[in-house]
Amino acid sequence: MQLNKYIDHTLLKANATVNDIKKLCSEAKEHNFYAVCVNSYYVALANSELMHTDIKVAAVVGFPLGAMLTRVKIVEAQQCIDQGANEIDMVINIGLLKSGYYDIVEDEIRAIKKGIGDNTLKVIFENCYLTDEQKKIACKLSMNAGADFIKTATGFGTGGATLEDVKLMKKEVQNNLQIKASGGIRDLKTAKQYTDLGVSRIGTSSGIAIVTSK
């Protein structure tokens, strides 16, 4: 198993500098990671740094709270695609999901997917704030809306990925959607536990440590 091809090499900190993003891309090339994952401002830079490689650029949208206006998320996603992103990792409106406004949550996912066309859409749940029932509902909404992936967490909430959550998500979506585990995955053993459960992608800032571990 080529674990490096599961990894979205990620840098989303508020204090990340231009040189930090360039270093992220250089590391992605060195280790042949699947993608880098950056905030929307840095998409053009990452795209430039990764030109002439097959490494994808993933951009986060509505990050990390998910509470932005839908039309703002749509524009952000489209701008990211225009500047070279191949994948969008969007945060759902967590408060609306918890309020039971399921139609609005589903419609937002659908609108962003429509706005980015054939490009990959990953839907971030932020499971640490949800009940198991709400996680199941989020899975169904994402399937209904035509998303490509569901994702555990932003890494900026009160908790990250858990094996239990991934099992629940996998059971709910079966093979209809892919799963990205993100948040707190920092070593080889943990990464393998998630790939063994069937996740297609791992979001982590510890990709180098994972792939160079013995």
N, C-alpha and C. Protein backbone atom coordinates (compact mmCIF):
# COMPACT_ATOMS: atom_id res chain seq x y z
N MET A 1 0.84 -1.20 0.00
CA MET A 1 0.00 0.00 0.00
C MET A 1 0.88 1.25 0.00
N GLN A 2 0.64 2.14 -0.95
CA GLN A 2 1.38 3.40 -1.00
C GLN A 2 0.65 4.44 -0.15
N LEU A 3 1.02 4.51 1.11
CA LEU A 3 0.31 5.39 2.04
C LEU A 3 0.43 6.85 1.64
N ASN A 4 1.53 7.21 0.98
CA ASN A 4 1.71 8.61 0.58
C ASN A 4 0.59 9.09 -0.34
N LYS A 5 0.00 8.17 -1.11
CA LYS A 5 -1.05 8.56 -2.05
C LYS A 5 -2.42 8.67 -1.38
N TYR A 6 -2.46 8.44 -0.08
CA TYR A 6 -3.68 8.69 0.69
C TYR A 6 -3.68 10.08 1.32
N ILE A 7 -2.52 10.74 1.29
CA ILE A 7 -2.34 11.91 2.16
C ILE A 7 -2.59 13.24 1.45
N ASP A 8 -3.46 14.04 2.06
CA ASP A 8 -3.60 15.46 1.73
C ASP A 8 -2.68 16.21 2.70
N HIS A 9 -1.53 16.65 2.21
CA HIS A 9 -0.52 17.32 3.04
C HIS A 9 -1.04 18.73 3.35
N THR A 10 -1.27 19.00 4.62
CA THR A 10 -2.16 20.10 5.00
C THR A 10 -1.45 21.18 5.82
N LEU A 11 -1.76 22.43 5.48
CA LEU A 11 -1.32 23.57 6.28
C LEU A 11 -2.40 24.64 6.23
N LEU A 12 -3.11 24.79 7.35
CA LEU A 12 -4.26 25.69 7.39
C LEU A 12 -4.17 26.71 8.53
N LYS A 13 -3.03 26.78 9.19
CA LYS A 13 -2.88 27.70 10.32
C LYS A 13 -2.96 29.15 9.88
N ALA A 14 -3.49 29.98 10.76
CA ALA A 14 -3.65 31.40 10.45
C ALA A 14 -2.31 32.09 10.23
N ASN A 15 -1.25 31.60 10.86
CA ASN A 15 0.05 32.26 10.75
C ASN A 15 0.96 31.63 9.70
N ALA A 16 0.41 30.79 8.84
CA ALA A 16 1.21 30.20 7.75
C ALA A 16 1.66 31.30 6.80
N THR A 17 2.95 31.32 6.48
CA THR A 17 3.51 32.33 5.60
C THR A 17 3.60 31.81 4.17
N VAL A 18 3.93 32.71 3.25
CA VAL A 18 4.14 32.32 1.86
C VAL A 18 5.24 31.26 1.77
N ASN A 19 6.31 31.47 2.50
CA ASN A 19 7.39 30.48 2.49
C ASN A 19 6.96 29.14 3.07
N ASP A 20 6.06 29.19 4.06
CA ASP A 20 5.53 27.94 4.62
C ASP A 20 4.74 27.16 3.57
N ILE A 21 3.95 27.87 2.77
CA ILE A 21 3.17 27.21 1.73
C ILE A 21 4.10 26.63 0.65
N LYS A 22 5.12 27.37 0.30
CA LYS A 22 6.10 26.86 -0.67
C LYS A 22 6.78 25.60 -0.13
N LYS A 23 7.11 25.60 1.15
CA LYS A 23 7.74 24.43 1.78
C LYS A 23 6.78 23.25 1.77
N LEU A 24 5.52 23.50 2.06
CA LEU A 24 4.49 22.45 2.01
C LEU A 24 4.46 21.78 0.64
N CYS A 25 4.48 22.59 -0.40
CA CYS A 25 4.43 22.07 -1.77
C CYS A 25 5.71 21.31 -2.11
N SER A 26 6.84 21.81 -1.66
CA SER A 26 8.11 21.12 -1.88
C SER A 26 8.12 19.76 -1.21
N GLU A 27 7.59 19.69 0.00
CA GLU A 27 7.49 18.42 0.72
C GLU A 27 6.55 17.46 0.01
N ALA A 28 5.46 18.00 -0.51
CA ALA A 28 4.50 17.16 -1.24
C ALA A 28 5.15 16.54 -2.46
N LYS A 29 5.99 17.32 -3.14
CA LYS A 29 6.69 16.79 -4.31
C LYS A 29 7.73 15.75 -3.90
N GLU A 30 8.43 16.03 -2.81
CA GLU A 30 9.47 15.10 -2.36
C GLU A 30 8.89 13.74 -1.99
N HIS A 31 7.73 13.75 -1.36
CA HIS A 31 7.13 12.50 -0.86
C HIS A 31 5.99 12.01 -1.75
N ASN A 32 5.71 12.73 -2.82
CA ASN A 32 4.68 12.34 -3.78
C ASN A 32 3.32 12.10 -3.12
N PHE A 33 2.92 13.08 -2.31
CA PHE A 33 1.61 13.00 -1.67
C PHE A 33 0.51 13.18 -2.71
N TYR A 34 -0.69 12.77 -2.37
CA TYR A 34 -1.81 12.90 -3.31
C TYR A 34 -2.13 14.37 -3.58
N ALA A 35 -2.18 15.16 -2.50
CA ALA A 35 -2.59 16.56 -2.63
C ALA A 35 -1.98 17.39 -1.52
N VAL A 36 -2.01 18.71 -1.73
CA VAL A 36 -1.82 19.64 -0.62
C VAL A 36 -3.18 20.25 -0.32
N CYS A 37 -3.39 20.65 0.93
CA CYS A 37 -4.65 21.27 1.32
C CYS A 37 -4.32 22.61 1.98
N VAL A 38 -4.85 23.70 1.40
CA VAL A 38 -4.51 25.05 1.83
C VAL A 38 -5.75 25.92 1.94
N ASN A 39 -5.60 27.04 2.62
CA ASN A 39 -6.66 28.04 2.62
C ASN A 39 -6.77 28.69 1.25
N SER A 40 -7.94 29.25 0.98
CA SER A 40 -8.24 29.70 -0.39
C SER A 40 -7.27 30.74 -0.93
N TYR A 41 -6.76 31.60 -0.09
CA TYR A 41 -5.84 32.64 -0.58
C TYR A 41 -4.62 32.04 -1.23
N TYR A 42 -4.20 30.87 -0.77
CA TYR A 42 -2.93 30.29 -1.23
C TYR A 42 -3.08 29.28 -2.36
N VAL A 43 -4.29 29.17 -2.90
CA VAL A 43 -4.50 28.21 -3.99
C VAL A 43 -3.63 28.53 -5.20
N ALA A 44 -3.62 29.78 -5.62
CA ALA A 44 -2.85 30.16 -6.81
C ALA A 44 -1.36 29.87 -6.60
N LEU A 45 -0.86 30.17 -5.42
CA LEU A 45 0.54 29.91 -5.11
C LEU A 45 0.84 28.41 -5.15
N ALA A 46 -0.02 27.62 -4.51
CA ALA A 46 0.19 26.17 -4.51
C ALA A 46 0.11 25.60 -5.92
N ASN A 47 -0.84 26.09 -6.69
CA ASN A 47 -0.98 25.62 -8.07
C ASN A 47 0.29 25.92 -8.87
N SER A 48 0.85 27.09 -8.66
CA SER A 48 2.08 27.48 -9.35
C SER A 48 3.25 26.60 -8.92
N GLU A 49 3.33 26.33 -7.63
CA GLU A 49 4.44 25.52 -7.10
C GLU A 49 4.36 24.07 -7.55
N LEU A 50 3.15 23.61 -7.81
CA LEU A 50 2.95 22.19 -8.15
C LEU A 50 2.73 21.96 -9.64
N MET A 51 2.92 22.99 -10.42
CA MET A 51 2.75 22.86 -11.86
C MET A 51 3.68 21.76 -12.40
N HIS A 52 3.19 21.04 -13.39
CA HIS A 52 3.94 19.94 -14.02
C HIS A 52 4.13 18.75 -13.10
N THR A 53 3.29 18.64 -12.07
CA THR A 53 3.23 17.43 -11.24
C THR A 53 1.78 16.93 -11.28
N ASP A 54 1.56 15.72 -10.76
CA ASP A 54 0.18 15.22 -10.69
C ASP A 54 -0.41 15.41 -9.29
N ILE A 55 0.25 16.21 -8.46
CA ILE A 55 -0.24 16.48 -7.11
C ILE A 55 -1.39 17.48 -7.17
N LYS A 56 -2.49 17.13 -6.53
CA LYS A 56 -3.69 17.97 -6.57
C LYS A 56 -3.60 19.11 -5.55
N VAL A 57 -4.40 20.14 -5.81
CA VAL A 57 -4.56 21.23 -4.85
C VAL A 57 -5.98 21.17 -4.30
N ALA A 58 -6.09 20.98 -2.98
CA ALA A 58 -7.38 21.02 -2.30
C ALA A 58 -7.47 22.33 -1.52
N ALA A 59 -8.63 22.96 -1.58
CA ALA A 59 -8.84 24.23 -0.87
C ALA A 59 -10.01 24.08 0.09
N VAL A 60 -9.85 24.66 1.28
CA VAL A 60 -10.95 24.66 2.23
C VAL A 60 -11.84 25.88 1.99
N VAL A 61 -13.14 25.66 2.20
CA VAL A 61 -14.14 26.70 1.95
C VAL A 61 -15.08 26.79 3.16
N GLY A 62 -15.38 28.03 3.57
CA GLY A 62 -16.21 28.22 4.76
C GLY A 62 -15.51 27.73 6.00
N PHE A 63 -14.21 27.86 5.99
CA PHE A 63 -13.36 27.23 7.01
C PHE A 63 -12.99 28.21 8.12
N PRO A 64 -12.96 27.79 9.38
CA PRO A 64 -13.29 26.45 9.88
C PRO A 64 -14.68 26.34 10.50
N LEU A 65 -15.46 27.40 10.49
CA LEU A 65 -16.71 27.41 11.25
C LEU A 65 -17.93 26.94 10.46
N GLY A 66 -17.92 27.15 9.15
CA GLY A 66 -19.05 26.74 8.32
C GLY A 66 -20.25 27.67 8.36
N ALA A 67 -20.15 28.77 9.09
CA ALA A 67 -21.32 29.61 9.35
C ALA A 67 -21.45 30.79 8.39
N MET A 68 -20.72 30.76 7.28
CA MET A 68 -20.79 31.85 6.31
C MET A 68 -22.05 31.72 5.45
N LEU A 69 -22.41 32.82 4.79
CA LEU A 69 -23.53 32.78 3.86
C LEU A 69 -23.23 31.79 2.73
N THR A 70 -24.27 31.08 2.31
CA THR A 70 -24.09 30.09 1.24
C THR A 70 -23.49 30.72 0.00
N ARG A 71 -23.98 31.88 -0.40
CA ARG A 71 -23.47 32.48 -1.64
C ARG A 71 -21.99 32.86 -1.52
N VAL A 72 -21.55 33.16 -0.31
CA VAL A 72 -20.13 33.45 -0.09
C VAL A 72 -19.30 32.17 -0.25
N LYS A 73 -19.81 31.06 0.28
CA LYS A 73 -19.12 29.78 0.13
C LYS A 73 -19.03 29.39 -1.35
N ILE A 74 -20.11 29.61 -2.08
CA ILE A 74 -20.12 29.25 -3.50
C ILE A 74 -19.08 30.06 -4.26
N VAL A 75 -19.05 31.35 -4.02
CA VAL A 75 -18.07 32.20 -4.71
C VAL A 75 -16.65 31.81 -4.33
N GLU A 76 -16.43 31.54 -3.05
CA GLU A 76 -15.09 31.13 -2.61
C GLU A 76 -14.67 29.84 -3.32
N ALA A 77 -15.59 28.89 -3.39
CA ALA A 77 -15.28 27.61 -4.04
C ALA A 77 -14.97 27.81 -5.52
N GLN A 78 -15.78 28.61 -6.20
CA GLN A 78 -15.56 28.84 -7.63
C GLN A 78 -14.25 29.58 -7.88
N GLN A 79 -13.93 30.54 -7.03
CA GLN A 79 -12.67 31.27 -7.16
C GLN A 79 -11.48 30.32 -6.99
N CYS A 80 -11.61 29.40 -6.06
CA CYS A 80 -10.53 28.42 -5.84
C CYS A 80 -10.33 27.56 -7.08
N ILE A 81 -11.41 27.11 -7.67
CA ILE A 81 -11.31 26.30 -8.90
C ILE A 81 -10.68 27.13 -10.01
N ASP A 82 -11.10 28.36 -10.14
CA ASP A 82 -10.56 29.24 -11.19
C ASP A 82 -9.05 29.45 -11.03
N GLN A 83 -8.57 29.40 -9.78
CA GLN A 83 -7.15 29.63 -9.51
C GLN A 83 -6.34 28.34 -9.46
N GLY A 84 -6.98 27.22 -9.77
CA GLY A 84 -6.22 25.99 -9.92
C GLY A 84 -6.51 24.87 -8.94
N ALA A 85 -7.47 25.05 -8.04
CA ALA A 85 -7.82 23.95 -7.13
C ALA A 85 -8.52 22.85 -7.90
N ASN A 86 -8.26 21.62 -7.50
CA ASN A 86 -8.93 20.45 -8.07
C ASN A 86 -10.00 19.90 -7.15
N GLU A 87 -9.89 20.24 -5.86
CA GLU A 87 -10.79 19.70 -4.86
C GLU A 87 -11.18 20.80 -3.87
N ILE A 88 -12.41 20.72 -3.39
CA ILE A 88 -12.92 21.67 -2.40
C ILE A 88 -13.34 20.90 -1.16
N ASP A 89 -12.82 21.32 0.00
CA ASP A 89 -13.22 20.77 1.29
C ASP A 89 -14.07 21.82 2.00
N MET A 90 -15.38 21.66 1.96
CA MET A 90 -16.30 22.66 2.53
C MET A 90 -16.78 22.23 3.91
N VAL A 91 -16.97 23.21 4.78
CA VAL A 91 -17.53 22.95 6.11
C VAL A 91 -19.04 23.20 6.04
N ILE A 92 -19.81 22.23 6.50
CA ILE A 92 -21.25 22.43 6.53
C ILE A 92 -21.61 23.51 7.54
N ASN A 93 -22.82 24.01 7.44
CA ASN A 93 -23.32 24.94 8.46
C ASN A 93 -23.75 24.09 9.65
N ILE A 94 -22.85 23.95 10.60
CA ILE A 94 -23.04 23.04 11.73
C ILE A 94 -24.25 23.44 12.56
N GLY A 95 -24.39 24.74 12.79
CA GLY A 95 -25.51 25.22 13.61
C GLY A 95 -26.86 24.93 12.98
N LEU A 96 -26.94 25.06 11.66
CA LEU A 96 -28.21 24.77 10.98
C LEU A 96 -28.52 23.28 11.01
N LEU A 97 -27.50 22.45 10.87
CA LEU A 97 -27.73 21.01 10.98
C LEU A 97 -28.27 20.67 12.37
N LYS A 98 -27.66 21.25 13.41
CA LYS A 98 -28.08 20.97 14.77
C LYS A 98 -29.45 21.57 15.07
N SER A 99 -29.83 22.59 14.28
CA SER A 99 -31.15 23.21 14.44
C SER A 99 -32.25 22.44 13.72
N GLY A 100 -31.84 21.44 12.93
CA GLY A 100 -32.82 20.65 12.18
C GLY A 100 -33.19 21.24 10.83
N TYR A 101 -32.42 22.21 10.34
CA TYR A 101 -32.71 22.82 9.04
C TYR A 101 -32.01 22.02 7.93
N TYR A 102 -32.45 20.79 7.79
CA TYR A 102 -31.74 19.85 6.93
C TYR A 102 -31.80 20.24 5.46
N ASP A 103 -32.93 20.77 5.03
CA ASP A 103 -33.06 21.15 3.61
C ASP A 103 -32.05 22.23 3.24
N ILE A 104 -31.83 23.18 4.14
CA ILE A 104 -30.88 24.27 3.85
C ILE A 104 -29.46 23.71 3.77
N VAL A 105 -29.12 22.81 4.68
CA VAL A 105 -27.78 22.20 4.67
C VAL A 105 -27.57 21.42 3.39
N GLU A 106 -28.55 20.62 3.01
CA GLU A 106 -28.44 19.83 1.78
C GLU A 106 -28.36 20.73 0.55
N ASP A 107 -29.20 21.76 0.52
CA ASP A 107 -29.20 22.66 -0.63
C ASP A 107 -27.86 23.38 -0.78
N GLU A 108 -27.23 23.72 0.34
CA GLU A 108 -25.93 24.39 0.27
C GLU A 108 -24.87 23.46 -0.31
N ILE A 109 -24.85 22.22 0.16
CA ILE A 109 -23.89 21.25 -0.40
C ILE A 109 -24.11 21.10 -1.90
N ARG A 110 -25.37 20.96 -2.29
CA ARG A 110 -25.71 20.78 -3.71
C ARG A 110 -25.28 22.00 -4.53
N ALA A 111 -25.50 23.19 -4.00
CA ALA A 111 -25.16 24.42 -4.73
C ALA A 111 -23.65 24.55 -4.92
N ILE A 112 -22.88 24.17 -3.91
CA ILE A 112 -21.42 24.25 -4.04
C ILE A 112 -20.93 23.21 -5.04
N LYS A 113 -21.50 22.01 -4.97
CA LYS A 113 -21.13 20.98 -5.94
C LYS A 113 -21.46 21.44 -7.36
N LYS A 114 -22.60 22.02 -7.55
CA LYS A 114 -22.97 22.53 -8.87
C LYS A 114 -21.99 23.61 -9.31
N GLY A 115 -21.58 24.45 -8.36
CA GLY A 115 -20.69 25.56 -8.69
C GLY A 115 -19.29 25.15 -9.09
N ILE A 116 -18.87 23.94 -8.67
CA ILE A 116 -17.50 23.50 -9.00
C ILE A 116 -17.49 22.40 -10.06
N GLY A 117 -18.66 22.02 -10.55
CA GLY A 117 -18.74 21.09 -11.67
C GLY A 117 -18.17 19.72 -11.35
N ASP A 118 -17.28 19.25 -12.22
CA ASP A 118 -16.75 17.89 -12.08
C ASP A 118 -15.63 17.78 -11.05
N ASN A 119 -15.25 18.88 -10.45
CA ASN A 119 -14.20 18.84 -9.43
C ASN A 119 -14.72 18.18 -8.15
N THR A 120 -13.80 17.66 -7.37
CA THR A 120 -14.15 16.87 -6.19
C THR A 120 -14.62 17.75 -5.03
N LEU A 121 -15.74 17.36 -4.43
CA LEU A 121 -16.26 18.06 -3.25
C LEU A 121 -16.23 17.14 -2.05
N LYS A 122 -15.52 17.61 -0.99
CA LYS A 122 -15.50 16.91 0.29
C LYS A 122 -16.30 17.74 1.29
N VAL A 123 -17.16 17.09 2.04
CA VAL A 123 -18.05 17.76 2.99
C VAL A 123 -17.57 17.48 4.41
N ILE A 124 -17.13 18.54 5.09
CA ILE A 124 -16.60 18.40 6.45
C ILE A 124 -17.75 18.53 7.45
N PHE A 125 -17.89 17.51 8.31
CA PHE A 125 -18.98 17.49 9.29
C PHE A 125 -18.63 18.21 10.60
N GLU A 126 -17.40 18.11 11.04
CA GLU A 126 -16.97 18.52 12.40
C GLU A 126 -17.72 17.69 13.44
N ASN A 127 -17.40 16.39 13.43
CA ASN A 127 -18.14 15.40 14.23
C ASN A 127 -18.12 15.65 15.72
N CYS A 128 -17.10 16.35 16.21
CA CYS A 128 -17.01 16.58 17.65
C CYS A 128 -18.21 17.36 18.19
N TYR A 129 -18.91 18.06 17.33
CA TYR A 129 -20.07 18.85 17.76
C TYR A 129 -21.41 18.15 17.50
N LEU A 130 -21.36 16.94 16.92
CA LEU A 130 -22.59 16.29 16.48
C LEU A 130 -22.89 15.02 17.28
N THR A 131 -24.17 14.73 17.42
CA THR A 131 -24.58 13.42 17.95
C THR A 131 -24.44 12.38 16.85
N ASP A 132 -24.48 11.11 17.23
CA ASP A 132 -24.40 10.06 16.22
C ASP A 132 -25.55 10.18 15.21
N GLU A 133 -26.72 10.53 15.69
CA GLU A 133 -27.86 10.68 14.78
C GLU A 133 -27.63 11.83 13.80
N GLN A 134 -27.06 12.93 14.28
CA GLN A 134 -26.77 14.06 13.40
C GLN A 134 -25.69 13.70 12.37
N LYS A 135 -24.72 12.88 12.77
CA LYS A 135 -23.71 12.41 11.82
C LYS A 135 -24.36 11.58 10.71
N LYS A 136 -25.29 10.72 11.08
CA LYS A 136 -25.99 9.90 10.09
C LYS A 136 -26.80 10.79 9.13
N ILE A 137 -27.44 11.79 9.69
CA ILE A 137 -28.22 12.71 8.85
C ILE A 137 -27.30 13.45 7.89
N ALA A 138 -26.14 13.90 8.39
CA ALA A 138 -25.18 14.61 7.53
C ALA A 138 -24.70 13.70 6.40
N CYS A 139 -24.53 12.43 6.68
CA CYS A 139 -24.16 11.47 5.62
C CYS A 139 -25.23 11.43 4.54
N LYS A 140 -26.48 11.33 4.96
CA LYS A 140 -27.58 11.24 4.00
C LYS A 140 -27.72 12.52 3.18
N LEU A 141 -27.58 13.66 3.83
CA LEU A 141 -27.67 14.94 3.12
C LEU A 141 -26.56 15.05 2.08
N SER A 142 -25.36 14.62 2.44
CA SER A 142 -24.23 14.69 1.52
C SER A 142 -24.44 13.78 0.31
N MET A 143 -24.96 12.58 0.56
CA MET A 143 -25.28 11.67 -0.56
C MET A 143 -26.34 12.27 -1.46
N ASN A 144 -27.40 12.78 -0.86
CA ASN A 144 -28.50 13.36 -1.64
C ASN A 144 -28.03 14.53 -2.50
N ALA A 145 -27.06 15.30 -1.97
CA ALA A 145 -26.62 16.53 -2.63
C ALA A 145 -25.54 16.29 -3.70
N GLY A 146 -25.06 15.05 -3.82
CA GLY A 146 -24.11 14.74 -4.88
C GLY A 146 -22.66 14.99 -4.53
N ALA A 147 -22.33 15.02 -3.23
CA ALA A 147 -20.94 15.18 -2.83
C ALA A 147 -20.12 13.96 -3.24
N ASP A 148 -18.81 14.11 -3.22
CA ASP A 148 -17.90 13.01 -3.56
C ASP A 148 -17.31 12.34 -2.33
N PHE A 149 -17.07 13.14 -1.29
CA PHE A 149 -16.45 12.66 -0.05
C PHE A 149 -17.23 13.22 1.13
N ILE A 150 -17.15 12.52 2.24
CA ILE A 150 -17.48 13.10 3.54
C ILE A 150 -16.21 13.06 4.39
N LYS A 151 -16.10 14.01 5.30
CA LYS A 151 -14.85 14.21 6.03
C LYS A 151 -15.16 14.44 7.50
N THR A 152 -14.32 13.91 8.37
CA THR A 152 -14.61 13.88 9.80
C THR A 152 -14.56 15.23 10.50
N ALA A 153 -13.55 16.04 10.17
CA ALA A 153 -13.27 17.21 11.02
C ALA A 153 -12.40 18.23 10.31
N THR A 154 -12.37 19.44 10.86
CA THR A 154 -11.49 20.48 10.34
C THR A 154 -10.10 20.38 10.94
N GLY A 155 -10.00 19.79 12.13
CA GLY A 155 -8.76 19.84 12.89
C GLY A 155 -8.69 21.06 13.79
N PHE A 156 -9.71 21.90 13.73
CA PHE A 156 -9.74 23.13 14.54
C PHE A 156 -10.85 23.11 15.57
N GLY A 157 -11.62 22.03 15.63
CA GLY A 157 -12.68 21.90 16.62
C GLY A 157 -12.15 21.32 17.93
N THR A 158 -13.06 20.82 18.75
CA THR A 158 -12.67 20.27 20.05
C THR A 158 -12.20 18.83 19.95
N GLY A 159 -12.33 18.23 18.78
CA GLY A 159 -11.88 16.86 18.56
C GLY A 159 -11.69 16.60 17.08
N GLY A 160 -10.92 15.56 16.76
CA GLY A 160 -10.66 15.23 15.37
C GLY A 160 -11.32 13.93 14.97
N ALA A 161 -10.64 13.20 14.08
CA ALA A 161 -11.16 11.92 13.62
C ALA A 161 -11.15 10.90 14.74
N THR A 162 -12.14 10.00 14.72
CA THR A 162 -12.14 8.82 15.59
C THR A 162 -12.48 7.62 14.74
N LEU A 163 -11.98 6.46 15.14
CA LEU A 163 -12.28 5.22 14.41
C LEU A 163 -13.77 4.93 14.46
N GLU A 164 -14.40 5.23 15.61
CA GLU A 164 -15.83 4.97 15.76
C GLU A 164 -16.64 5.80 14.78
N ASP A 165 -16.26 7.07 14.61
CA ASP A 165 -16.98 7.92 13.68
C ASP A 165 -16.83 7.43 12.25
N VAL A 166 -15.64 7.01 11.89
CA VAL A 166 -15.43 6.52 10.52
C VAL A 166 -16.24 5.25 10.28
N LYS A 167 -16.31 4.37 11.27
CA LYS A 167 -17.13 3.16 11.14
C LYS A 167 -18.59 3.53 10.92
N LEU A 168 -19.07 4.50 11.70
CA LEU A 168 -20.46 4.95 11.56
C LEU A 168 -20.69 5.54 10.17
N MET A 169 -19.78 6.40 9.72
CA MET A 169 -19.94 7.05 8.41
C MET A 169 -19.90 6.02 7.28
N LYS A 170 -18.97 5.06 7.39
CA LYS A 170 -18.85 4.02 6.37
C LYS A 170 -20.11 3.18 6.29
N LYS A 171 -20.65 2.82 7.44
CA LYS A 171 -21.88 2.03 7.47
C LYS A 171 -23.03 2.79 6.81
N GLU A 172 -23.04 4.09 7.02
CA GLU A 172 -24.15 4.91 6.51
C GLU A 172 -24.07 5.11 5.00
N VAL A 173 -22.87 5.35 4.48
CA VAL A 173 -22.75 5.66 3.05
C VAL A 173 -22.35 4.46 2.20
N GLN A 174 -21.91 3.37 2.86
CA GLN A 174 -21.45 2.18 2.13
C GLN A 174 -20.37 2.59 1.12
N ASN A 175 -20.57 2.27 -0.14
CA ASN A 175 -19.60 2.65 -1.17
C ASN A 175 -20.09 3.81 -2.03
N ASN A 176 -21.11 4.51 -1.55
CA ASN A 176 -21.68 5.61 -2.33
C ASN A 176 -20.84 6.88 -2.27
N LEU A 177 -20.12 7.07 -1.17
CA LEU A 177 -19.23 8.22 -1.01
C LEU A 177 -17.90 7.73 -0.46
N GLN A 178 -16.84 8.46 -0.77
CA GLN A 178 -15.55 8.19 -0.16
C GLN A 178 -15.44 8.96 1.16
N ILE A 179 -14.51 8.54 1.98
CA ILE A 179 -14.35 9.15 3.30
C ILE A 179 -12.93 9.68 3.47
N LYS A 180 -12.83 10.89 3.99
CA LYS A 180 -11.55 11.46 4.37
C LYS A 180 -11.51 11.60 5.89
N ALA A 181 -10.51 10.99 6.48
CA ALA A 181 -10.29 11.12 7.93
C ALA A 181 -9.31 12.24 8.17
N SER A 182 -9.67 13.15 9.05
CA SER A 182 -8.84 14.33 9.28
C SER A 182 -8.99 14.78 10.73
N GLY A 183 -7.88 15.24 11.29
CA GLY A 183 -7.89 15.75 12.65
C GLY A 183 -7.24 14.80 13.62
N GLY A 184 -5.97 15.07 13.96
CA GLY A 184 -5.29 14.30 15.00
C GLY A 184 -4.59 13.03 14.53
N ILE A 185 -4.46 12.83 13.23
CA ILE A 185 -3.78 11.64 12.71
C ILE A 185 -2.32 11.99 12.49
N ARG A 186 -1.45 11.48 13.36
CA ARG A 186 -0.07 11.98 13.39
C ARG A 186 0.99 10.89 13.28
N ASP A 187 0.58 9.61 13.24
CA ASP A 187 1.60 8.55 13.17
C ASP A 187 1.13 7.43 12.26
N LEU A 188 2.10 6.58 11.89
CA LEU A 188 1.86 5.51 10.93
C LEU A 188 0.80 4.53 11.40
N LYS A 189 0.88 4.12 12.66
CA LYS A 189 -0.08 3.14 13.19
C LYS A 189 -1.51 3.64 13.07
N THR A 190 -1.71 4.90 13.47
CA THR A 190 -3.06 5.48 13.41
C THR A 190 -3.54 5.60 11.97
N ALA A 191 -2.67 6.06 11.08
CA ALA A 191 -3.03 6.20 9.67
C ALA A 191 -3.46 4.87 9.09
N LYS A 192 -2.74 3.81 9.41
CA LYS A 192 -3.08 2.48 8.88
C LYS A 192 -4.42 1.99 9.43
N GLN A 193 -4.72 2.35 10.67
CA GLN A 193 -6.03 1.96 11.22
C GLN A 193 -7.16 2.55 10.39
N TYR A 194 -6.96 3.78 9.94
CA TYR A 194 -8.01 4.43 9.13
C TYR A 194 -8.08 3.85 7.72
N THR A 195 -6.93 3.60 7.11
CA THR A 195 -6.97 3.02 5.76
C THR A 195 -7.55 1.61 5.81
N ASP A 196 -7.30 0.88 6.90
CA ASP A 196 -7.88 -0.46 7.05
C ASP A 196 -9.40 -0.41 7.14
N LEU A 197 -9.93 0.71 7.63
CA LEU A 197 -11.39 0.88 7.71
C LEU A 197 -11.99 1.30 6.37
N GLY A 198 -11.12 1.65 5.42
CA GLY A 198 -11.62 1.97 4.09
C GLY A 198 -11.63 3.43 3.72
N VAL A 199 -10.96 4.29 4.50
CA VAL A 199 -10.91 5.69 4.10
C VAL A 199 -10.05 5.82 2.83
N SER A 200 -10.41 6.77 1.99
CA SER A 200 -9.68 7.00 0.75
C SER A 200 -8.62 8.07 0.88
N ARG A 201 -8.77 8.91 1.92
CA ARG A 201 -7.84 10.02 2.06
C ARG A 201 -7.64 10.34 3.54
N ILE A 202 -6.44 10.80 3.86
CA ILE A 202 -6.11 11.23 5.22
C ILE A 202 -5.62 12.67 5.15
N GLY A 203 -6.28 13.54 5.89
CA GLY A 203 -5.85 14.93 5.98
C GLY A 203 -4.97 15.09 7.21
N THR A 204 -3.73 15.54 7.00
CA THR A 204 -2.81 15.63 8.13
C THR A 204 -1.68 16.60 7.84
N SER A 205 -1.19 17.22 8.89
CA SER A 205 0.03 18.03 8.77
C SER A 205 1.25 17.21 9.15
N SER A 206 1.03 15.94 9.45
CA SER A 206 2.12 15.05 9.88
C SER A 206 2.42 13.98 8.83
N GLY A 207 2.17 14.30 7.57
CA GLY A 207 2.35 13.33 6.50
C GLY A 207 3.77 12.80 6.39
N ILE A 208 4.73 13.69 6.58
CA ILE A 208 6.14 13.25 6.46
C ILE A 208 6.47 12.24 7.56
N ALA A 209 6.07 12.54 8.80
CA ALA A 209 6.31 11.62 9.90
C ALA A 209 5.64 10.27 9.65
N ILE A 210 4.46 10.30 9.05
CA ILE A 210 3.72 9.05 8.79
C ILE A 210 4.45 8.20 7.75
N VAL A 211 4.83 8.81 6.64
CA VAL A 211 5.40 8.00 5.55
C VAL A 211 6.87 7.65 5.75
N THR A 212 7.54 8.32 6.68
CA THR A 212 8.95 7.99 6.92
C THR A 212 9.14 7.11 8.15
N SER A 213 8.03 6.76 8.83
CA SER A 213 8.12 5.88 10.00
C SER A 213 8.44 4.45 9.57
N LYS A 214 9.16 3.75 10.41
CA LYS A 214 9.50 2.35 10.16
C LYS A 214 8.57 1.43 10.92
